[in-house]
Amino acid sequence: MTTENEQTNEMPKVDITPNDLMVIRQVFDASSQAGIFKAQDLTTVGFVYDKVHAIVEGIIAAAKADEESNSSEESKEE
């Protein structure tokens, strides 16, 4: 018996939250500090880490900007 996903060859929807990305970044950092990766893996791991790090920092910056915007709007209303 085949499922709907097998029939259409679609991947199931997976939600990755900002917290998930922060955990991934921490796992990369801890793993590299513990010497888990082989030397030949470091370039690839570093490249992916840099991408995840940039996304996380962008999310954090956007959240701070929203927070500052909301607090300044609240100040104007008072």
PDB file of N, CA and C in Angstrom:
ATOM      1  N   MET A   1       0.844  -1.175   0.000  1.00  0.00           N
ATOM      2  CA  MET A   1       0.000   0.000   0.000  1.00  0.00           C
ATOM      3  C   MET A   1       0.891   1.242   0.000  1.00  0.00           C
ATOM      4  N   THR A   2       0.590   2.193  -0.864  1.00  0.00           N
ATOM      5  CA  THR A   2       1.394   3.414  -0.941  1.00  0.00           C
ATOM      6  C   THR A   2       0.658   4.563  -0.285  1.00  0.00           C
ATOM      7  N   THR A   3       1.454   5.462   0.263  1.00  0.00           N
ATOM      8  CA  THR A   3       0.863   6.638   0.884  1.00  0.00           C
ATOM      9  C   THR A   3       0.770   7.754  -0.141  1.00  0.00           C
ATOM     10  N   GLU A   4       0.082   8.808   0.214  1.00  0.00           N
ATOM     11  CA  GLU A   4      -0.071   9.947  -0.684  1.00  0.00           C
ATOM     12  C   GLU A   4       1.274  10.575  -1.013  1.00  0.00           C
ATOM     13  N   ASN A   5       2.184  10.673  -0.018  1.00  0.00           N
ATOM     14  CA  ASN A   5       3.505  11.255  -0.256  1.00  0.00           C
ATOM     15  C   ASN A   5       4.315  10.428  -1.232  1.00  0.00           C
ATOM     16  N   GLU A   6       4.184   9.103  -1.160  1.00  0.00           N
ATOM     17  CA  GLU A   6       4.921   8.253  -2.085  1.00  0.00           C
ATOM     18  C   GLU A   6       4.376   8.401  -3.499  1.00  0.00           C
ATOM     19  N   GLN A   7       3.083   8.584  -3.634  1.00  0.00           N
ATOM     20  CA  GLN A   7       2.480   8.709  -4.953  1.00  0.00           C
ATOM     21  C   GLN A   7       2.875  10.012  -5.634  1.00  0.00           C
ATOM     22  N   THR A   8       2.974  11.086  -4.898  1.00  0.00           N
ATOM     23  CA  THR A   8       3.293  12.384  -5.488  1.00  0.00           C
ATOM     24  C   THR A   8       4.770  12.738  -5.374  1.00  0.00           C
ATOM     25  N   ASN A   9       5.547  11.906  -4.685  1.00  0.00           N
ATOM     26  CA  ASN A   9       6.976  12.139  -4.469  1.00  0.00           C
ATOM     27  C   ASN A   9       7.244  13.458  -3.764  1.00  0.00           C
ATOM     28  N   GLU A  10       6.325  13.886  -2.920  1.00  0.00           N
ATOM     29  CA  GLU A  10       6.508  15.115  -2.173  1.00  0.00           C
ATOM     30  C   GLU A  10       7.080  14.811  -0.797  1.00  0.00           C
ATOM     31  N   MET A  11       7.889  15.727  -0.342  1.00  0.00           N
ATOM     32  CA  MET A  11       8.432  15.615   1.003  1.00  0.00           C
ATOM     33  C   MET A  11       7.364  16.083   1.981  1.00  0.00           C
ATOM     34  N   PRO A  12       7.287  15.461   3.151  1.00  0.00           N
ATOM     35  CA  PRO A  12       6.337  15.966   4.148  1.00  0.00           C
ATOM     36  C   PRO A  12       6.781  17.340   4.636  1.00  0.00           C
ATOM     37  N   LYS A  13       5.819  18.167   5.033  1.00  0.00           N
ATOM     38  CA  LYS A  13       6.136  19.508   5.506  1.00  0.00           C
ATOM     39  C   LYS A  13       6.837  19.415   6.854  1.00  0.00           C
ATOM     40  N   VAL A  14       7.977  20.075   6.954  1.00  0.00           N
ATOM     41  CA  VAL A  14       8.742  20.106   8.193  1.00  0.00           C
ATOM     42  C   VAL A  14       8.918  21.565   8.594  1.00  0.00           C
ATOM     43  N   ASP A  15       8.532  21.872   9.809  1.00  0.00           N
ATOM     44  CA  ASP A  15       8.687  23.234  10.310  1.00  0.00           C
ATOM     45  C   ASP A  15       9.964  23.321  11.138  1.00  0.00           C
ATOM     46  N   ILE A  16      10.842  24.223  10.745  1.00  0.00           N
ATOM     47  CA  ILE A  16      12.057  24.480  11.511  1.00  0.00           C
ATOM     48  C   ILE A  16      11.890  25.855  12.142  1.00  0.00           C
ATOM     49  N   THR A  17      11.972  25.889  13.442  1.00  0.00           N
ATOM     50  CA  THR A  17      11.775  27.136  14.170  1.00  0.00           C
ATOM     51  C   THR A  17      13.120  27.843  14.371  1.00  0.00           C
ATOM     52  N   PRO A  18      13.079  29.121  14.714  1.00  0.00           N
ATOM     53  CA  PRO A  18      14.329  29.814  15.037  1.00  0.00           C
ATOM     54  C   PRO A  18      15.088  29.119  16.172  1.00  0.00           C
ATOM     55  N   ASN A  19      14.363  28.574  17.137  1.00  0.00           N
ATOM     56  CA  ASN A  19      15.015  27.855  18.234  1.00  0.00           C
ATOM     57  C   ASN A  19      15.747  26.620  17.709  1.00  0.00           C
ATOM     58  N   ASP A  20      15.160  25.923  16.741  1.00  0.00           N
ATOM     59  CA  ASP A  20      15.828  24.764  16.135  1.00  0.00           C
ATOM     60  C   ASP A  20      17.153  25.177  15.513  1.00  0.00           C
ATOM     61  N   LEU A  21      17.156  26.313  14.829  1.00  0.00           N
ATOM     62  CA  LEU A  21      18.389  26.795  14.196  1.00  0.00           C
ATOM     63  C   LEU A  21      19.442  27.164  15.225  1.00  0.00           C
ATOM     64  N   MET A  22      19.005  27.727  16.347  1.00  0.00           N
ATOM     65  CA  MET A  22      19.964  28.058  17.416  1.00  0.00           C
ATOM     66  C   MET A  22      20.573  26.787  17.996  1.00  0.00           C
ATOM     67  N   VAL A  23      19.766  25.744  18.134  1.00  0.00           N
ATOM     68  CA  VAL A  23      20.275  24.470  18.644  1.00  0.00           C
ATOM     69  C   VAL A  23      21.260  23.863  17.652  1.00  0.00           C
ATOM     70  N   ILE A  24      20.931  23.923  16.364  1.00  0.00           N
ATOM     71  CA  ILE A  24      21.842  23.399  15.335  1.00  0.00           C
ATOM     72  C   ILE A  24      23.186  24.122  15.403  1.00  0.00           C
ATOM     73  N   ARG A  25      23.133  25.439  15.555  1.00  0.00           N
ATOM     74  CA  ARG A  25      24.366  26.227  15.659  1.00  0.00           C
ATOM     75  C   ARG A  25      25.175  25.788  16.877  1.00  0.00           C
ATOM     76  N   GLN A  26      24.521  25.569  18.001  1.00  0.00           N
ATOM     77  CA  GLN A  26      25.211  25.131  19.216  1.00  0.00           C
ATOM     78  C   GLN A  26      25.805  23.736  19.051  1.00  0.00           C
ATOM     79  N   VAL A  27      25.089  22.855  18.357  1.00  0.00           N
ATOM     80  CA  VAL A  27      25.602  21.498  18.121  1.00  0.00           C
ATOM     81  C   VAL A  27      26.857  21.552  17.258  1.00  0.00           C
ATOM     82  N   PHE A  28      26.830  22.366  16.193  1.00  0.00           N
ATOM     83  CA  PHE A  28      28.026  22.519  15.362  1.00  0.00           C
ATOM     84  C   PHE A  28      29.199  23.029  16.184  1.00  0.00           C
ATOM     85  N   ASP A  29      28.958  24.041  16.995  1.00  0.00           N
ATOM     86  CA  ASP A  29      30.013  24.638  17.795  1.00  0.00           C
ATOM     87  C   ASP A  29      30.587  23.629  18.786  1.00  0.00           C
ATOM     88  N   ALA A  30      29.717  22.955  19.532  1.00  0.00           N
ATOM     89  CA  ALA A  30      30.172  21.980  20.529  1.00  0.00           C
ATOM     90  C   ALA A  30      30.889  20.805  19.871  1.00  0.00           C
ATOM     91  N   SER A  31      30.369  20.352  18.743  1.00  0.00           N
ATOM     92  CA  SER A  31      30.980  19.218  18.047  1.00  0.00           C
ATOM     93  C   SER A  31      32.368  19.553  17.531  1.00  0.00           C
ATOM     94  N   SER A  32      32.522  20.751  16.989  1.00  0.00           N
ATOM     95  CA  SER A  32      33.842  21.119  16.478  1.00  0.00           C
ATOM     96  C   SER A  32      34.837  21.309  17.617  1.00  0.00           C
ATOM     97  N   GLN A  33      34.377  21.865  18.753  1.00  0.00           N
ATOM     98  CA  GLN A  33      35.255  22.023  19.905  1.00  0.00           C
ATOM     99  C   GLN A  33      35.673  20.674  20.480  1.00  0.00           C
ATOM    100  N   ALA A  34      34.790  19.686  20.382  1.00  0.00           N
ATOM    101  CA  ALA A  34      35.092  18.360  20.917  1.00  0.00           C
ATOM    102  C   ALA A  34      35.897  17.510  19.939  1.00  0.00           C
ATOM    103  N   GLY A  35      36.164  18.039  18.746  1.00  0.00           N
ATOM    104  CA  GLY A  35      36.952  17.288  17.771  1.00  0.00           C
ATOM    105  C   GLY A  35      36.177  16.179  17.086  1.00  0.00           C
ATOM    106  N   ILE A  36      34.876  16.325  16.985  1.00  0.00           N
ATOM    107  CA  ILE A  36      34.024  15.301  16.384  1.00  0.00           C
ATOM    108  C   ILE A  36      34.242  15.206  14.877  1.00  0.00           C
ATOM    109  N   PHE A  37      34.494  16.330  14.231  1.00  0.00           N
ATOM    110  CA  PHE A  37      34.613  16.343  12.779  1.00  0.00           C
ATOM    111  C   PHE A  37      36.044  16.055  12.343  1.00  0.00           C
ATOM    112  N   LYS A  38      36.165  15.377  11.201  1.00  0.00           N
ATOM    113  CA  LYS A  38      37.473  15.131  10.609  1.00  0.00           C
ATOM    114  C   LYS A  38      37.915  16.400   9.889  1.00  0.00           C
ATOM    115  N   ALA A  39      39.203  16.523   9.682  1.00  0.00           N
ATOM    116  CA  ALA A  39      39.749  17.717   9.043  1.00  0.00           C
ATOM    117  C   ALA A  39      39.099  17.975   7.689  1.00  0.00           C
ATOM    118  N   GLN A  40      38.873  16.931   6.908  1.00  0.00           N
ATOM    119  CA  GLN A  40      38.289  17.122   5.578  1.00  0.00           C
ATOM    120  C   GLN A  40      36.829  17.563   5.643  1.00  0.00           C
ATOM    121  N   ASP A  41      36.192  17.417   6.797  1.00  0.00           N
ATOM    122  CA  ASP A  41      34.798  17.831   6.962  1.00  0.00           C
ATOM    123  C   ASP A  41      34.664  19.282   7.400  1.00  0.00           C
ATOM    124  N   LEU A  42      35.726  19.875   7.887  1.00  0.00           N
ATOM    125  CA  LEU A  42      35.631  21.191   8.512  1.00  0.00           C
ATOM    126  C   LEU A  42      35.179  22.291   7.565  1.00  0.00           C
ATOM    127  N   THR A  43      35.600  22.239   6.317  1.00  0.00           N
ATOM    128  CA  THR A  43      35.181  23.265   5.358  1.00  0.00           C
ATOM    129  C   THR A  43      33.676  23.224   5.154  1.00  0.00           C
ATOM    130  N   THR A  44      33.148  22.035   4.938  1.00  0.00           N
ATOM    131  CA  THR A  44      31.708  21.882   4.716  1.00  0.00           C
ATOM    132  C   THR A  44      30.922  22.248   5.958  1.00  0.00           C
ATOM    133  N   VAL A  45      31.365  21.761   7.101  1.00  0.00           N
ATOM    134  CA  VAL A  45      30.687  22.064   8.360  1.00  0.00           C
ATOM    135  C   VAL A  45      30.730  23.565   8.631  1.00  0.00           C
ATOM    136  N   GLY A  46      31.877  24.179   8.411  1.00  0.00           N
ATOM    137  CA  GLY A  46      32.010  25.615   8.619  1.00  0.00           C
ATOM    138  C   GLY A  46      31.117  26.412   7.693  1.00  0.00           C
ATOM    139  N   PHE A  47      30.992  25.969   6.448  1.00  0.00           N
ATOM    140  CA  PHE A  47      30.137  26.648   5.481  1.00  0.00           C
ATOM    141  C   PHE A  47      28.677  26.597   5.938  1.00  0.00           C
ATOM    142  N   VAL A  48      28.220  25.424   6.355  1.00  0.00           N
ATOM    143  CA  VAL A  48      26.838  25.279   6.825  1.00  0.00           C
ATOM    144  C   VAL A  48      26.645  26.068   8.125  1.00  0.00           C
ATOM    145  N   TYR A  49      27.626  25.997   9.014  1.00  0.00           N
ATOM    146  CA  TYR A  49      27.546  26.759  10.265  1.00  0.00           C
ATOM    147  C   TYR A  49      27.388  28.248   9.972  1.00  0.00           C
ATOM    148  N   ASP A  50      28.181  28.764   9.044  1.00  0.00           N
ATOM    149  CA  ASP A  50      28.106  30.184   8.709  1.00  0.00           C
ATOM    150  C   ASP A  50      26.728  30.567   8.185  1.00  0.00           C
ATOM    151  N   LYS A  51      26.120  29.692   7.373  1.00  0.00           N
ATOM    152  CA  LYS A  51      24.785  29.970   6.853  1.00  0.00           C
ATOM    153  C   LYS A  51      23.754  29.968   7.974  1.00  0.00           C
ATOM    154  N   VAL A  52      23.805  28.957   8.846  1.00  0.00           N
ATOM    155  CA  VAL A  52      22.870  28.885   9.968  1.00  0.00           C
ATOM    156  C   VAL A  52      23.073  30.077  10.895  1.00  0.00           C
ATOM    157  N   HIS A  53      24.316  30.413  11.156  1.00  0.00           N
ATOM    158  CA  HIS A  53      24.635  31.547  12.028  1.00  0.00           C
ATOM    159  C   HIS A  53      24.063  32.850  11.458  1.00  0.00           C
ATOM    160  N   ALA A  54      24.208  33.056  10.164  1.00  0.00           N
ATOM    161  CA  ALA A  54      23.691  34.270   9.535  1.00  0.00           C
ATOM    162  C   ALA A  54      22.167  34.331   9.642  1.00  0.00           C
ATOM    163  N   ILE A  55      21.505  33.208   9.467  1.00  0.00           N
ATOM    164  CA  ILE A  55      20.048  33.171   9.588  1.00  0.00           C
ATOM    165  C   ILE A  55      19.631  33.491  11.013  1.00  0.00           C
ATOM    166  N   VAL A  56      20.290  32.856  11.986  1.00  0.00           N
ATOM    167  CA  VAL A  56      19.954  33.082  13.404  1.00  0.00           C
ATOM    168  C   VAL A  56      20.185  34.540  13.775  1.00  0.00           C
ATOM    169  N   GLU A  57      21.314  35.100  13.376  1.00  0.00           N
ATOM    170  CA  GLU A  57      21.598  36.498  13.692  1.00  0.00           C
ATOM    171  C   GLU A  57      20.586  37.427  13.023  1.00  0.00           C
ATOM    172  N   GLY A  58      20.155  37.097  11.811  1.00  0.00           N
ATOM    173  CA  GLY A  58      19.126  37.881  11.134  1.00  0.00           C
ATOM    174  C   GLY A  58      17.804  37.834  11.873  1.00  0.00           C
ATOM    175  N   ILE A  59      17.443  36.655  12.376  1.00  0.00           N
ATOM    176  CA  ILE A  59      16.207  36.501  13.143  1.00  0.00           C
ATOM    177  C   ILE A  59      16.287  37.316  14.435  1.00  0.00           C
ATOM    178  N   ILE A  60      17.432  37.235  15.108  1.00  0.00           N
ATOM    179  CA  ILE A  60      17.616  37.980  16.351  1.00  0.00           C
ATOM    180  C   ILE A  60      17.544  39.483  16.088  1.00  0.00           C
ATOM    181  N   ALA A  61      18.198  39.947  15.028  1.00  0.00           N
ATOM    182  CA  ALA A  61      18.177  41.374  14.691  1.00  0.00           C
ATOM    183  C   ALA A  61      16.758  41.835  14.354  1.00  0.00           C
ATOM    184  N   ALA A  62      16.017  41.010  13.607  1.00  0.00           N
ATOM    185  CA  ALA A  62      14.634  41.367  13.254  1.00  0.00           C
ATOM    186  C   ALA A  62      13.756  41.421  14.497  1.00  0.00           C
ATOM    187  N   ALA A  63      13.973  40.479  15.407  1.00  0.00           N
ATOM    188  CA  ALA A  63      13.189  40.461  16.643  1.00  0.00           C
ATOM    189  C   ALA A  63      13.488  41.701  17.483  1.00  0.00           C
ATOM    190  N   LYS A  64      14.753  42.091  17.560  1.00  0.00           N
ATOM    191  CA  LYS A  64      15.121  43.294  18.315  1.00  0.00           C
ATOM    192  C   LYS A  64      14.522  44.536  17.675  1.00  0.00           C
ATOM    193  N   ALA A  65      14.553  44.602  16.352  1.00  0.00           N
ATOM    194  CA  ALA A  65      13.981  45.754  15.648  1.00  0.00           C
ATOM    195  C   ALA A  65      12.479  45.829  15.893  1.00  0.00           C
ATOM    196  N   ASP A  66      11.791  44.685  15.849  1.00  0.00           N
ATOM    197  CA  ASP A  66      10.350  44.661  16.130  1.00  0.00           C
ATOM    198  C   ASP A  66      10.073  45.101  17.556  1.00  0.00           C
ATOM    199  N   GLU A  67      10.895  44.610  18.479  1.00  0.00           N
ATOM    200  CA  GLU A  67      10.720  44.967  19.889  1.00  0.00           C
ATOM    201  C   GLU A  67      10.908  46.467  20.102  1.00  0.00           C
ATOM    202  N   GLU A  68      11.950  47.021  19.490  1.00  0.00           N
ATOM    203  CA  GLU A  68      12.205  48.458  19.605  1.00  0.00           C
ATOM    204  C   GLU A  68      11.093  49.263  18.950  1.00  0.00           C
ATOM    205  N   SER A  69      10.606  48.787  17.828  1.00  0.00           N
ATOM    206  CA  SER A  69       9.517  49.463  17.131  1.00  0.00           C
ATOM    207  C   SER A  69       8.248  49.448  17.967  1.00  0.00           C
ATOM    208  N   ASN A  70       7.959  48.303  18.560  1.00  0.00           N
ATOM    209  CA  ASN A  70       6.772  48.193  19.408  1.00  0.00           C
ATOM    210  C   ASN A  70       6.886  49.066  20.647  1.00  0.00           C
ATOM    211  N   SER A  71       8.069  49.119  21.252  1.00  0.00           N
ATOM    212  CA  SER A  71       8.226  49.926  22.461  1.00  0.00           C
ATOM    213  C   SER A  71       8.164  51.416  22.138  1.00  0.00           C
ATOM    214  N   SER A  72       8.660  51.820  20.979  1.00  0.00           N
ATOM    215  CA  SER A  72       8.574  53.234  20.612  1.00  0.00           C
ATOM    216  C   SER A  72       7.139  53.611  20.257  1.00  0.00           C
ATOM    217  N   GLU A  73       6.382  52.691  19.666  1.00  0.00           N
ATOM    218  CA  GLU A  73       4.975  52.951  19.388  1.00  0.00           C
ATOM    219  C   GLU A  73       4.169  53.070  20.673  1.00  0.00           C
ATOM    220  N   GLU A  74       4.495  52.249  21.661  1.00  0.00           N
ATOM    221  CA  GLU A  74       3.819  52.317  22.942  1.00  0.00           C
ATOM    222  C   GLU A  74       4.120  53.634  23.649  1.00  0.00           C
ATOM    223  N   SER A  75       5.351  54.119  23.508  1.00  0.00           N
ATOM    224  CA  SER A  75       5.744  55.385  24.122  1.00  0.00           C
ATOM    225  C   SER A  75       4.979  56.558  23.497  1.00  0.00           C
ATOM    226  N   LYS A  76       4.758  56.490  22.190  1.00  0.00           N
ATOM    227  CA  LYS A  76       4.039  57.547  21.497  1.00  0.00           C
ATOM    228  C   LYS A  76       2.560  57.570  21.905  1.00  0.00           C
ATOM    229  N   GLU A  77       1.998  56.393  22.182  1.00  0.00           N
ATOM    230  CA  GLU A  77       0.591  56.305  22.560  1.00  0.00           C
ATOM    231  C   GLU A  77       0.336  56.866  23.947  1.00  0.00           C
ATOM    232  N   GLU A  78       1.342  56.845  24.789  1.00  0.00           N
ATOM    233  CA  GLU A  78       1.172  57.330  26.165  1.00  0.00           C
ATOM    234  C   GLU A  78       1.253  58.795  26.167  1.00  0.00           C
TER     235      GLU A  78
END
